[in-house]
Amino acid sequence: MTKTAKSESQVMTGLWEQLPIPTEATTSRVVLNNELLRIVEFAMDAGQELTDHASDRAVAVLALSGDLTFSVAGEPRTLTPGDVVYLAPGERHAVVAQSPCRFTLVLMHPGSGQ
């Protein structure tokens, strides 16, 4: 995985063309990764899921297209384009795509706000 220098601004275009929604699968691509942030784009077909898991980092999820069920600590919520989820470090969560969908995951590295 390539590091993105935090001291250099970057513009990333054409991400959806590079990461089409797959048939009966989930794909992801890290688009930015440095000591401050890690940004991952996800594309999921209907019925695909990410099972219950947690991150040691604070996480923000931005729903971009389609509908998905996002469970936080076992409580499911339906997300549609424009919805945002914040997860505290260690919070358990899971995702199920209700339709073909895309979302962005932003991970904040511990201590980066200091």
PDB file of N, CA and C in Angstrom:
ATOM      1  N   MET A   1       0.847  -1.173   0.000  1.00  0.00           N
ATOM      2  CA  MET A   1       0.000   0.000   0.000  1.00  0.00           C
ATOM      3  C   MET A   1       0.894   1.239   0.000  1.00  0.00           C
ATOM      4  N   THR A   2       0.602   2.162  -0.881  1.00  0.00           N
ATOM      5  CA  THR A   2       1.386   3.382  -1.020  1.00  0.00           C
ATOM      6  C   THR A   2       0.966   4.402   0.025  1.00  0.00           C
ATOM      7  N   LYS A   3       1.945   5.028   0.635  1.00  0.00           N
ATOM      8  CA  LYS A   3       1.664   6.106   1.588  1.00  0.00           C
ATOM      9  C   LYS A   3       1.402   7.398   0.831  1.00  0.00           C
ATOM     10  N   THR A   4       0.517   8.222   1.366  1.00  0.00           N
ATOM     11  CA  THR A   4       0.217   9.541   0.824  1.00  0.00           C
ATOM     12  C   THR A   4       0.843  10.547   1.767  1.00  0.00           C
ATOM     13  N   ALA A   5       1.766  11.337   1.273  1.00  0.00           N
ATOM     14  CA  ALA A   5       2.442  12.308   2.134  1.00  0.00           C
ATOM     15  C   ALA A   5       1.442  13.300   2.710  1.00  0.00           C
ATOM     16  N   LYS A   6       1.483  13.491   4.036  1.00  0.00           N
ATOM     17  CA  LYS A   6       0.552  14.433   4.658  1.00  0.00           C
ATOM     18  C   LYS A   6       0.907  15.874   4.337  1.00  0.00           C
ATOM     19  N   SER A   7       2.123  16.125   3.868  1.00  0.00           N
ATOM     20  CA  SER A   7       2.557  17.485   3.552  1.00  0.00           C
ATOM     21  C   SER A   7       2.273  17.887   2.108  1.00  0.00           C
ATOM     22  N   GLU A   8       1.689  16.976   1.315  1.00  0.00           N
ATOM     23  CA  GLU A   8       1.400  17.258  -0.088  1.00  0.00           C
ATOM     24  C   GLU A   8      -0.087  17.099  -0.375  1.00  0.00           C
ATOM     25  N   SER A   9      -0.710  18.153  -0.886  1.00  0.00           N
ATOM     26  CA  SER A   9      -2.118  18.079  -1.268  1.00  0.00           C
ATOM     27  C   SER A   9      -2.262  17.215  -2.518  1.00  0.00           C
ATOM     28  N   GLN A  10      -3.387  16.523  -2.631  1.00  0.00           N
ATOM     29  CA  GLN A  10      -3.628  15.667  -3.783  1.00  0.00           C
ATOM     30  C   GLN A  10      -5.098  15.729  -4.169  1.00  0.00           C
ATOM     31  N   VAL A  11      -5.362  15.546  -5.458  1.00  0.00           N
ATOM     32  CA  VAL A  11      -6.718  15.421  -5.971  1.00  0.00           C
ATOM     33  C   VAL A  11      -6.816  14.042  -6.601  1.00  0.00           C
ATOM     34  N   MET A  12      -7.816  13.272  -6.196  1.00  0.00           N
ATOM     35  CA  MET A  12      -8.006  11.925  -6.732  1.00  0.00           C
ATOM     36  C   MET A  12      -9.328  11.898  -7.479  1.00  0.00           C
ATOM     37  N   THR A  13      -9.284  11.612  -8.756  1.00  0.00           N
ATOM     38  CA  THR A  13     -10.487  11.618  -9.583  1.00  0.00           C
ATOM     39  C   THR A  13     -10.703  10.249 -10.209  1.00  0.00           C
ATOM     40  N   GLY A  14     -11.913  10.047 -10.721  1.00  0.00           N
ATOM     41  CA  GLY A  14     -12.230   8.813 -11.428  1.00  0.00           C
ATOM     42  C   GLY A  14     -12.288   7.584 -10.544  1.00  0.00           C
ATOM     43  N   LEU A  15     -12.513   7.764  -9.250  1.00  0.00           N
ATOM     44  CA  LEU A  15     -12.485   6.628  -8.337  1.00  0.00           C
ATOM     45  C   LEU A  15     -13.589   5.609  -8.634  1.00  0.00           C
ATOM     46  N   TRP A  16     -14.774   6.068  -9.000  1.00  0.00           N
ATOM     47  CA  TRP A  16     -15.857   5.128  -9.257  1.00  0.00           C
ATOM     48  C   TRP A  16     -15.595   4.314 -10.519  1.00  0.00           C
ATOM     49  N   GLU A  17     -14.948   4.918 -11.501  1.00  0.00           N
ATOM     50  CA  GLU A  17     -14.605   4.177 -12.711  1.00  0.00           C
ATOM     51  C   GLU A  17     -13.546   3.118 -12.405  1.00  0.00           C
ATOM     52  N   GLN A  18     -12.667   3.409 -11.468  1.00  0.00           N
ATOM     53  CA  GLN A  18     -11.619   2.472 -11.083  1.00  0.00           C
ATOM     54  C   GLN A  18     -12.125   1.377 -10.144  1.00  0.00           C
ATOM     55  N   LEU A  19     -13.286   1.604  -9.533  1.00  0.00           N
ATOM     56  CA  LEU A  19     -13.835   0.657  -8.564  1.00  0.00           C
ATOM     57  C   LEU A  19     -15.327   0.457  -8.843  1.00  0.00           C
ATOM     58  N   PRO A  20     -15.666  -0.235  -9.945  1.00  0.00           N
ATOM     59  CA  PRO A  20     -17.078  -0.456 -10.252  1.00  0.00           C
ATOM     60  C   PRO A  20     -17.718  -1.381  -9.217  1.00  0.00           C
ATOM     61  N   ILE A  21     -19.042  -1.298  -9.083  1.00  0.00           N
ATOM     62  CA  ILE A  21     -19.743  -2.199  -8.170  1.00  0.00           C
ATOM     63  C   ILE A  21     -19.713  -3.596  -8.787  1.00  0.00           C
ATOM     64  N   PRO A  22     -19.137  -4.567  -8.080  1.00  0.00           N
ATOM     65  CA  PRO A  22     -19.010  -5.912  -8.623  1.00  0.00           C
ATOM     66  C   PRO A  22     -20.312  -6.704  -8.512  1.00  0.00           C
ATOM     67  N   THR A  23     -20.438  -7.744  -9.295  1.00  0.00           N
ATOM     68  CA  THR A  23     -21.591  -8.638  -9.210  1.00  0.00           C
ATOM     69  C   THR A  23     -21.323  -9.670  -8.124  1.00  0.00           C
ATOM     70  N   GLU A  24     -22.227  -9.745  -7.160  1.00  0.00           N
ATOM     71  CA  GLU A  24     -22.169 -10.710  -6.064  1.00  0.00           C
ATOM     72  C   GLU A  24     -20.837 -10.674  -5.304  1.00  0.00           C
ATOM     73  N   ALA A  25     -20.321  -9.465  -5.069  1.00  0.00           N
ATOM     74  CA  ALA A  25     -19.048  -9.338  -4.355  1.00  0.00           C
ATOM     75  C   ALA A  25     -18.938  -7.963  -3.710  1.00  0.00           C
ATOM     76  N   THR A  26     -17.874  -7.797  -2.942  1.00  0.00           N
ATOM     77  CA  THR A  26     -17.507  -6.525  -2.319  1.00  0.00           C
ATOM     78  C   THR A  26     -16.076  -6.217  -2.721  1.00  0.00           C
ATOM     79  N   THR A  27     -15.817  -4.975  -3.098  1.00  0.00           N
ATOM     80  CA  THR A  27     -14.450  -4.557  -3.374  1.00  0.00           C
ATOM     81  C   THR A  27     -14.161  -3.283  -2.596  1.00  0.00           C
ATOM     82  N   SER A  28     -12.883  -3.060  -2.339  1.00  0.00           N
ATOM     83  CA  SER A  28     -12.477  -1.842  -1.646  1.00  0.00           C
ATOM     84  C   SER A  28     -11.122  -1.425  -2.170  1.00  0.00           C
ATOM     85  N   ARG A  29     -10.845  -0.142  -2.018  1.00  0.00           N
ATOM     86  CA  ARG A  29      -9.548   0.392  -2.434  1.00  0.00           C
ATOM     87  C   ARG A  29      -9.151   1.503  -1.477  1.00  0.00           C
ATOM     88  N   VAL A  30      -7.923   1.431  -0.964  1.00  0.00           N
ATOM     89  CA  VAL A  30      -7.371   2.505  -0.144  1.00  0.00           C
ATOM     90  C   VAL A  30      -6.975   3.627  -1.091  1.00  0.00           C
ATOM     91  N   VAL A  31      -7.521   4.816  -0.864  1.00  0.00           N
ATOM     92  CA  VAL A  31      -7.219   5.949  -1.745  1.00  0.00           C
ATOM     93  C   VAL A  31      -6.319   6.991  -1.091  1.00  0.00           C
ATOM     94  N   LEU A  32      -6.214   6.951   0.215  1.00  0.00           N
ATOM     95  CA  LEU A  32      -5.314   7.855   0.935  1.00  0.00           C
ATOM     96  C   LEU A  32      -4.863   7.144   2.195  1.00  0.00           C
ATOM     97  N   ASN A  33      -3.573   7.232   2.466  1.00  0.00           N
ATOM     98  CA  ASN A  33      -3.061   6.559   3.655  1.00  0.00           C
ATOM     99  C   ASN A  33      -1.811   7.287   4.148  1.00  0.00           C
ATOM    100  N   ASN A  34      -1.940   7.948   5.307  1.00  0.00           N
ATOM    101  CA  ASN A  34      -0.775   8.560   5.940  1.00  0.00           C
ATOM    102  C   ASN A  34      -0.955   8.503   7.450  1.00  0.00           C
ATOM    103  N   GLU A  35      -0.063   9.162   8.185  1.00  0.00           N
ATOM    104  CA  GLU A  35      -0.138   9.068   9.646  1.00  0.00           C
ATOM    105  C   GLU A  35      -1.338   9.796  10.246  1.00  0.00           C
ATOM    106  N   LEU A  36      -2.073  10.570   9.456  1.00  0.00           N
ATOM    107  CA  LEU A  36      -3.279  11.243   9.941  1.00  0.00           C
ATOM    108  C   LEU A  36      -4.549  10.472   9.615  1.00  0.00           C
ATOM    109  N   LEU A  37      -4.665  10.067   8.348  1.00  0.00           N
ATOM    110  CA  LEU A  37      -5.917   9.488   7.851  1.00  0.00           C
ATOM    111  C   LEU A  37      -5.675   8.274   6.977  1.00  0.00           C
ATOM    112  N   ARG A  38      -6.683   7.434   6.929  1.00  0.00           N
ATOM    113  CA  ARG A  38      -6.755   6.374   5.932  1.00  0.00           C
ATOM    114  C   ARG A  38      -8.165   6.442   5.369  1.00  0.00           C
ATOM    115  N   ILE A  39      -8.286   6.583   4.047  1.00  0.00           N
ATOM    116  CA  ILE A  39      -9.595   6.641   3.393  1.00  0.00           C
ATOM    117  C   ILE A  39      -9.719   5.444   2.469  1.00  0.00           C
ATOM    118  N   VAL A  40     -10.819   4.710   2.632  1.00  0.00           N
ATOM    119  CA  VAL A  40     -11.066   3.506   1.853  1.00  0.00           C
ATOM    120  C   VAL A  40     -12.422   3.638   1.176  1.00  0.00           C
ATOM    121  N   GLU A  41     -12.460   3.407  -0.134  1.00  0.00           N
ATOM    122  CA  GLU A  41     -13.715   3.388  -0.897  1.00  0.00           C
ATOM    123  C   GLU A  41     -14.203   1.952  -0.991  1.00  0.00           C
ATOM    124  N   PHE A  42     -15.495   1.733  -0.743  1.00  0.00           N
ATOM    125  CA  PHE A  42     -16.109   0.412  -0.841  1.00  0.00           C
ATOM    126  C   PHE A  42     -17.193   0.412  -1.906  1.00  0.00           C
ATOM    127  N   ALA A  43     -17.308  -0.707  -2.619  1.00  0.00           N
ATOM    128  CA  ALA A  43     -18.394  -0.954  -3.568  1.00  0.00           C
ATOM    129  C   ALA A  43     -18.923  -2.352  -3.274  1.00  0.00           C
ATOM    130  N   MET A  44     -20.243  -2.454  -3.039  1.00  0.00           N
ATOM    131  CA  MET A  44     -20.841  -3.729  -2.647  1.00  0.00           C
ATOM    132  C   MET A  44     -22.090  -3.997  -3.467  1.00  0.00           C
ATOM    133  N   ASP A  45     -22.254  -5.233  -3.886  1.00  0.00           N
ATOM    134  CA  ASP A  45     -23.483  -5.634  -4.547  1.00  0.00           C
ATOM    135  C   ASP A  45     -24.535  -5.950  -3.485  1.00  0.00           C
ATOM    136  N   ALA A  46     -25.792  -5.941  -3.875  1.00  0.00           N
ATOM    137  CA  ALA A  46     -26.891  -6.258  -2.953  1.00  0.00           C
ATOM    138  C   ALA A  46     -26.658  -7.613  -2.307  1.00  0.00           C
ATOM    139  N   GLY A  47     -26.907  -7.679  -0.999  1.00  0.00           N
ATOM    140  CA  GLY A  47     -26.772  -8.923  -0.261  1.00  0.00           C
ATOM    141  C   GLY A  47     -25.387  -9.184   0.295  1.00  0.00           C
ATOM    142  N   GLN A  48     -24.400  -8.411  -0.121  1.00  0.00           N
ATOM    143  CA  GLN A  48     -23.041  -8.596   0.394  1.00  0.00           C
ATOM    144  C   GLN A  48     -22.937  -7.998   1.792  1.00  0.00           C
ATOM    145  N   GLU A  49     -22.018  -8.525   2.594  1.00  0.00           N
ATOM    146  CA  GLU A  49     -21.890  -8.009   3.953  1.00  0.00           C
ATOM    147  C   GLU A  49     -20.460  -7.990   4.443  1.00  0.00           C
ATOM    148  N   LEU A  50     -20.234  -7.112   5.396  1.00  0.00           N
ATOM    149  CA  LEU A  50     -19.009  -7.081   6.184  1.00  0.00           C
ATOM    150  C   LEU A  50     -19.437  -7.487   7.587  1.00  0.00           C
ATOM    151  N   THR A  51     -18.957  -8.605   8.065  1.00  0.00           N
ATOM    152  CA  THR A  51     -19.403  -9.131   9.354  1.00  0.00           C
ATOM    153  C   THR A  51     -18.929  -8.249  10.507  1.00  0.00           C
ATOM    154  N   ASP A  52     -19.510  -8.484  11.655  1.00  0.00           N
ATOM    155  CA  ASP A  52     -19.247  -7.708  12.861  1.00  0.00           C
ATOM    156  C   ASP A  52     -17.749  -7.646  13.165  1.00  0.00           C
ATOM    157  N   HIS A  53     -17.250  -6.425  13.338  1.00  0.00           N
ATOM    158  CA  HIS A  53     -15.837  -6.207  13.629  1.00  0.00           C
ATOM    159  C   HIS A  53     -15.667  -4.852  14.296  1.00  0.00           C
ATOM    160  N   ALA A  54     -14.441  -4.520  14.687  1.00  0.00           N
ATOM    161  CA  ALA A  54     -14.147  -3.241  15.332  1.00  0.00           C
ATOM    162  C   ALA A  54     -12.802  -2.736  14.840  1.00  0.00           C
ATOM    163  N   SER A  55     -12.574  -1.442  15.023  1.00  0.00           N
ATOM    164  CA  SER A  55     -11.288  -0.819  14.688  1.00  0.00           C
ATOM    165  C   SER A  55     -10.770  -0.109  15.932  1.00  0.00           C
ATOM    166  N   ASP A  56      -9.453  -0.070  16.074  1.00  0.00           N
ATOM    167  CA  ASP A  56      -8.879   0.660  17.206  1.00  0.00           C
ATOM    168  C   ASP A  56      -8.821   2.156  16.940  1.00  0.00           C
ATOM    169  N   ARG A  57      -9.284   2.573  15.753  1.00  0.00           N
ATOM    170  CA  ARG A  57      -9.285   3.985  15.364  1.00  0.00           C
ATOM    171  C   ARG A  57     -10.706   4.536  15.364  1.00  0.00           C
ATOM    172  N   ALA A  58     -10.824   5.848  15.462  1.00  0.00           N
ATOM    173  CA  ALA A  58     -12.120   6.496  15.238  1.00  0.00           C
ATOM    174  C   ALA A  58     -12.430   6.366  13.746  1.00  0.00           C
ATOM    175  N   VAL A  59     -13.715   6.151  13.410  1.00  0.00           N
ATOM    176  CA  VAL A  59     -14.118   5.888  12.029  1.00  0.00           C
ATOM    177  C   VAL A  59     -15.315   6.760  11.677  1.00  0.00           C
ATOM    178  N   ALA A  60     -15.302   7.305  10.466  1.00  0.00           N
ATOM    179  CA  ALA A  60     -16.487   7.961   9.901  1.00  0.00           C
ATOM    180  C   ALA A  60     -16.832   7.211   8.620  1.00  0.00           C
ATOM    181  N   VAL A  61     -18.121   6.960   8.424  1.00  0.00           N
ATOM    182  CA  VAL A  61     -18.615   6.281   7.226  1.00  0.00           C
ATOM    183  C   VAL A  61     -19.578   7.233   6.534  1.00  0.00           C
ATOM    184  N   LEU A  62     -19.374   7.437   5.232  1.00  0.00           N
ATOM    185  CA  LEU A  62     -20.235   8.314   4.436  1.00  0.00           C
ATOM    186  C   LEU A  62     -20.921   7.475   3.365  1.00  0.00           C
ATOM    187  N   ALA A  63     -22.253   7.368   3.437  1.00  0.00           N
ATOM    188  CA  ALA A  63     -23.019   6.623   2.433  1.00  0.00           C
ATOM    189  C   ALA A  63     -23.093   7.466   1.159  1.00  0.00           C
ATOM    190  N   LEU A  64     -22.730   6.860   0.025  1.00  0.00           N
ATOM    191  CA  LEU A  64     -22.668   7.597  -1.238  1.00  0.00           C
ATOM    192  C   LEU A  64     -23.769   7.212  -2.220  1.00  0.00           C
ATOM    193  N   SER A  65     -24.067   5.914  -2.341  1.00  0.00           N
ATOM    194  CA  SER A  65     -25.118   5.472  -3.257  1.00  0.00           C
ATOM    195  C   SER A  65     -25.700   4.164  -2.754  1.00  0.00           C
ATOM    196  N   GLY A  66     -26.949   3.904  -3.124  1.00  0.00           N
ATOM    197  CA  GLY A  66     -27.612   2.680  -2.698  1.00  0.00           C
ATOM    198  C   GLY A  66     -28.049   2.741  -1.252  1.00  0.00           C
ATOM    199  N   ASP A  67     -28.568   1.618  -0.775  1.00  0.00           N
ATOM    200  CA  ASP A  67     -29.039   1.503   0.607  1.00  0.00           C
ATOM    201  C   ASP A  67     -28.263   0.394   1.299  1.00  0.00           C
ATOM    202  N   LEU A  68     -27.906   0.634   2.568  1.00  0.00           N
ATOM    203  CA  LEU A  68     -27.236  -0.398   3.334  1.00  0.00           C
ATOM    204  C   LEU A  68     -27.718  -0.386   4.761  1.00  0.00           C
ATOM    205  N   THR A  69     -27.646  -1.537   5.396  1.00  0.00           N
ATOM    206  CA  THR A  69     -27.948  -1.641   6.808  1.00  0.00           C
ATOM    207  C   THR A  69     -26.623  -1.602   7.543  1.00  0.00           C
ATOM    208  N   PHE A  70     -26.491  -0.634   8.427  1.00  0.00           N
ATOM    209  CA  PHE A  70     -25.263  -0.440   9.188  1.00  0.00           C
ATOM    210  C   PHE A  70     -25.600  -0.671  10.652  1.00  0.00           C
ATOM    211  N   SER A  71     -25.013  -1.705  11.237  1.00  0.00           N
ATOM    212  CA  SER A  71     -25.274  -2.027  12.640  1.00  0.00           C
ATOM    213  C   SER A  71     -24.141  -1.521  13.508  1.00  0.00           C
ATOM    214  N   VAL A  72     -24.492  -0.810  14.564  1.00  0.00           N
ATOM    215  CA  VAL A  72     -23.533  -0.321  15.545  1.00  0.00           C
ATOM    216  C   VAL A  72     -23.904  -0.956  16.875  1.00  0.00           C
ATOM    217  N   ALA A  73     -22.974  -1.700  17.455  1.00  0.00           N
ATOM    218  CA  ALA A  73     -23.211  -2.400  18.719  1.00  0.00           C
ATOM    219  C   ALA A  73     -24.488  -3.239  18.642  1.00  0.00           C
ATOM    220  N   GLY A  74     -24.712  -3.878  17.490  1.00  0.00           N
ATOM    221  CA  GLY A  74     -25.862  -4.757  17.300  1.00  0.00           C
ATOM    222  C   GLY A  74     -27.160  -4.067  16.943  1.00  0.00           C
ATOM    223  N   GLU A  75     -27.185  -2.746  16.879  1.00  0.00           N
ATOM    224  CA  GLU A  75     -28.390  -1.984  16.544  1.00  0.00           C
ATOM    225  C   GLU A  75     -28.368  -1.598  15.067  1.00  0.00           C
ATOM    226  N   PRO A  76     -29.233  -2.206  14.230  1.00  0.00           N
ATOM    227  CA  PRO A  76     -29.215  -1.900  12.794  1.00  0.00           C
ATOM    228  C   PRO A  76     -29.904  -0.579  12.465  1.00  0.00           C
ATOM    229  N   ARG A  77     -29.339   0.132  11.495  1.00  0.00           N
ATOM    230  CA  ARG A  77     -29.917   1.374  10.972  1.00  0.00           C
ATOM    231  C   ARG A  77     -29.785   1.337   9.456  1.00  0.00           C
ATOM    232  N   THR A  78     -30.786   1.843   8.748  1.00  0.00           N
ATOM    233  CA  THR A  78     -30.719   1.922   7.295  1.00  0.00           C
ATOM    234  C   THR A  78     -30.048   3.234   6.903  1.00  0.00           C
ATOM    235  N   LEU A  79     -29.019   3.135   6.063  1.00  0.00           N
ATOM    236  CA  LEU A  79     -28.339   4.319   5.554  1.00  0.00           C
ATOM    237  C   LEU A  79     -28.672   4.500   4.090  1.00  0.00           C
ATOM    238  N   THR A  80     -28.897   5.747   3.695  1.00  0.00           N
ATOM    239  CA  THR A  80     -29.123   6.113   2.303  1.00  0.00           C
ATOM    240  C   THR A  80     -28.112   7.196   1.943  1.00  0.00           C
ATOM    241  N   PRO A  81     -27.958   7.508   0.659  1.00  0.00           N
ATOM    242  CA  PRO A  81     -26.948   8.496   0.263  1.00  0.00           C
ATOM    243  C   PRO A  81     -27.054   9.797   1.075  1.00  0.00           C
ATOM    244  N   GLY A  82     -25.904  10.243   1.559  1.00  0.00           N
ATOM    245  CA  GLY A  82     -25.838  11.461   2.361  1.00  0.00           C
ATOM    246  C   GLY A  82     -25.765  11.209   3.853  1.00  0.00           C
ATOM    247  N   ASP A  83     -26.073   9.983   4.288  1.00  0.00           N
ATOM    248  CA  ASP A  83     -26.017   9.674   5.713  1.00  0.00           C
ATOM    249  C   ASP A  83     -24.568   9.462   6.157  1.00  0.00           C
ATOM    250  N   VAL A  84     -24.303   9.756   7.433  1.00  0.00           N
ATOM    251  CA  VAL A  84     -22.965   9.650   8.001  1.00  0.00           C
ATOM    252  C   VAL A  84     -23.048   8.905   9.326  1.00  0.00           C
ATOM    253  N   VAL A  85     -22.058   8.065   9.591  1.00  0.00           N
ATOM    254  CA  VAL A  85     -21.943   7.352  10.866  1.00  0.00           C
ATOM    255  C   VAL A  85     -20.580   7.691  11.457  1.00  0.00           C
ATOM    256  N   TYR A  86     -20.547   7.969  12.750  1.00  0.00           N
ATOM    257  CA  TYR A  86     -19.283   8.110  13.471  1.00  0.00           C
ATOM    258  C   TYR A  86     -19.178   6.934  14.426  1.00  0.00           C
ATOM    259  N   LEU A  87     -18.016   6.285  14.440  1.00  0.00           N
ATOM    260  CA  LEU A  87     -17.759   5.179  15.352  1.00  0.00           C
ATOM    261  C   LEU A  87     -16.595   5.539  16.262  1.00  0.00           C
ATOM    262  N   ALA A  88     -16.811   5.438  17.552  1.00  0.00           N
ATOM    263  CA  ALA A  88     -15.727   5.631  18.510  1.00  0.00           C
ATOM    264  C   ALA A  88     -14.756   4.452  18.387  1.00  0.00           C
ATOM    265  N   PRO A  89     -13.492   4.660  18.725  1.00  0.00           N
ATOM    266  CA  PRO A  89     -12.541   3.551  18.677  1.00  0.00           C
ATOM    267  C   PRO A  89     -13.057   2.343  19.458  1.00  0.00           C
ATOM    268  N   GLY A  90     -12.932   1.155  18.857  1.00  0.00           N
ATOM    269  CA  GLY A  90     -13.354  -0.078  19.507  1.00  0.00           C
ATOM    270  C   GLY A  90     -14.821  -0.432  19.338  1.00  0.00           C
ATOM    271  N   GLU A  91     -15.632   0.437  18.721  1.00  0.00           N
ATOM    272  CA  GLU A  91     -17.065   0.169  18.558  1.00  0.00           C
ATOM    273  C   GLU A  91     -17.289  -0.932  17.523  1.00  0.00           C
ATOM    274  N   ARG A  92     -18.060  -1.938  17.890  1.00  0.00           N
ATOM    275  CA  ARG A  92     -18.349  -3.048  16.977  1.00  0.00           C
ATOM    276  C   ARG A  92     -19.394  -2.596  15.961  1.00  0.00           C
ATOM    277  N   HIS A  93     -19.214  -3.063  14.710  1.00  0.00           N
ATOM    278  CA  HIS A  93     -20.135  -2.665  13.640  1.00  0.00           C
ATOM    279  C   HIS A  93     -20.124  -3.704  12.522  1.00  0.00           C
ATOM    280  N   ALA A  94     -21.180  -3.673  11.704  1.00  0.00           N
ATOM    281  CA  ALA A  94     -21.331  -4.585  10.571  1.00  0.00           C
ATOM    282  C   ALA A  94     -22.129  -3.869   9.492  1.00  0.00           C
ATOM    283  N   VAL A  95     -21.990  -4.348   8.239  1.00  0.00           N
ATOM    284  CA  VAL A  95     -22.649  -3.721   7.098  1.00  0.00           C
ATOM    285  C   VAL A  95     -23.274  -4.792   6.225  1.00  0.00           C
ATOM    286  N   VAL A  96     -24.518  -4.548   5.760  1.00  0.00           N
ATOM    287  CA  VAL A  96     -25.166  -5.396   4.764  1.00  0.00           C
ATOM    288  C   VAL A  96     -25.726  -4.484   3.681  1.00  0.00           C
ATOM    289  N   ALA A  97     -25.344  -4.751   2.422  1.00  0.00           N
ATOM    290  CA  ALA A  97     -25.854  -3.954   1.301  1.00  0.00           C
ATOM    291  C   ALA A  97     -27.268  -4.410   0.961  1.00  0.00           C
ATOM    292  N   GLN A  98     -28.226  -3.484   1.000  1.00  0.00           N
ATOM    293  CA  GLN A  98     -29.605  -3.793   0.634  1.00  0.00           C
ATOM    294  C   GLN A  98     -29.815  -3.651  -0.867  1.00  0.00           C
ATOM    295  N   SER A  99     -28.971  -2.869  -1.509  1.00  0.00           N
ATOM    296  CA  SER A  99     -28.957  -2.677  -2.958  1.00  0.00           C
ATOM    297  C   SER A  99     -27.500  -2.439  -3.333  1.00  0.00           C
ATOM    298  N   PRO A 100     -27.155  -2.473  -4.615  1.00  0.00           N
ATOM    299  CA  PRO A 100     -25.780  -2.123  -4.968  1.00  0.00           C
ATOM    300  C   PRO A 100     -25.454  -0.750  -4.366  1.00  0.00           C
ATOM    301  N   CYS A 101     -24.318  -0.647  -3.693  1.00  0.00           N
ATOM    302  CA  CYS A 101     -24.036   0.594  -2.977  1.00  0.00           C
ATOM    303  C   CYS A 101     -22.550   0.905  -2.944  1.00  0.00           C
ATOM    304  N   ARG A 102     -22.283   2.156  -2.559  1.00  0.00           N
ATOM    305  CA  ARG A 102     -20.925   2.655  -2.345  1.00  0.00           C
ATOM    306  C   ARG A 102     -20.903   3.436  -1.040  1.00  0.00           C
ATOM    307  N   PHE A 103     -19.783   3.323  -0.343  1.00  0.00           N
ATOM    308  CA  PHE A 103     -19.578   4.175   0.826  1.00  0.00           C
ATOM    309  C   PHE A 103     -18.095   4.416   1.017  1.00  0.00           C
ATOM    310  N   THR A 104     -17.792   5.498   1.725  1.00  0.00           N
ATOM    311  CA  THR A 104     -16.415   5.864   2.032  1.00  0.00           C
ATOM    312  C   THR A 104     -16.186   5.671   3.521  1.00  0.00           C
ATOM    313  N   LEU A 105     -15.067   5.066   3.848  1.00  0.00           N
ATOM    314  CA  LEU A 105     -14.660   4.838   5.226  1.00  0.00           C
ATOM    315  C   LEU A 105     -13.440   5.714   5.496  1.00  0.00           C
ATOM    316  N   VAL A 106     -13.511   6.527   6.549  1.00  0.00           N
ATOM    317  CA  VAL A 106     -12.396   7.394   6.931  1.00  0.00           C
ATOM    318  C   VAL A 106     -11.941   6.981   8.322  1.00  0.00           C
ATOM    319  N   LEU A 107     -10.689   6.569   8.433  1.00  0.00           N
ATOM    320  CA  LEU A 107     -10.128   6.168   9.718  1.00  0.00           C
ATOM    321  C   LEU A 107      -9.156   7.235  10.186  1.00  0.00           C
ATOM    322  N   MET A 108      -9.343   7.704  11.418  1.00  0.00           N
ATOM    323  CA  MET A 108      -8.450   8.693  12.022  1.00  0.00           C
ATOM    324  C   MET A 108      -7.473   7.934  12.895  1.00  0.00           C
ATOM    325  N   HIS A 109      -6.195   8.114  12.644  1.00  0.00           N
ATOM    326  CA  HIS A 109      -5.175   7.413  13.425  1.00  0.00           C
ATOM    327  C   HIS A 109      -5.114   7.978  14.837  1.00  0.00           C
ATOM    328  N   PRO A 110      -4.916   7.114  15.825  1.00  0.00           N
ATOM    329  CA  PRO A 110      -4.823   7.568  17.220  1.00  0.00           C
ATOM    330  C   PRO A 110      -3.732   8.635  17.384  1.00  0.00           C
ATOM    331  N   GLY A 111      -4.036   9.673  18.128  1.00  0.00           N
ATOM    332  CA  GLY A 111      -3.065  10.714  18.407  1.00  0.00           C
ATOM    333  C   GLY A 111      -2.885  11.743  17.312  1.00  0.00           C
ATOM    334  N   SER A 112      -3.618  11.601  16.188  1.00  0.00           N
ATOM    335  CA  SER A 112      -3.411  12.528  15.077  1.00  0.00           C
ATOM    336  C   SER A 112      -4.035  13.893  15.340  1.00  0.00           C
ATOM    337  N   GLY A 113      -4.897  13.989  16.338  1.00  0.00           N
ATOM    338  CA  GLY A 113      -5.512  15.277  16.642  1.00  0.00           C
ATOM    339  C   GLY A 113      -4.683  16.127  17.581  1.00  0.00           C
ATOM    340  N   GLN A 114      -3.535  15.638  17.992  1.00  0.00           N
ATOM    341  CA  GLN A 114      -2.698  16.386  18.941  1.00  0.00           C
ATOM    342  C   GLN A 114      -1.830  17.397  18.246  1.00  0.00           C
TER     343      GLN A 114
END
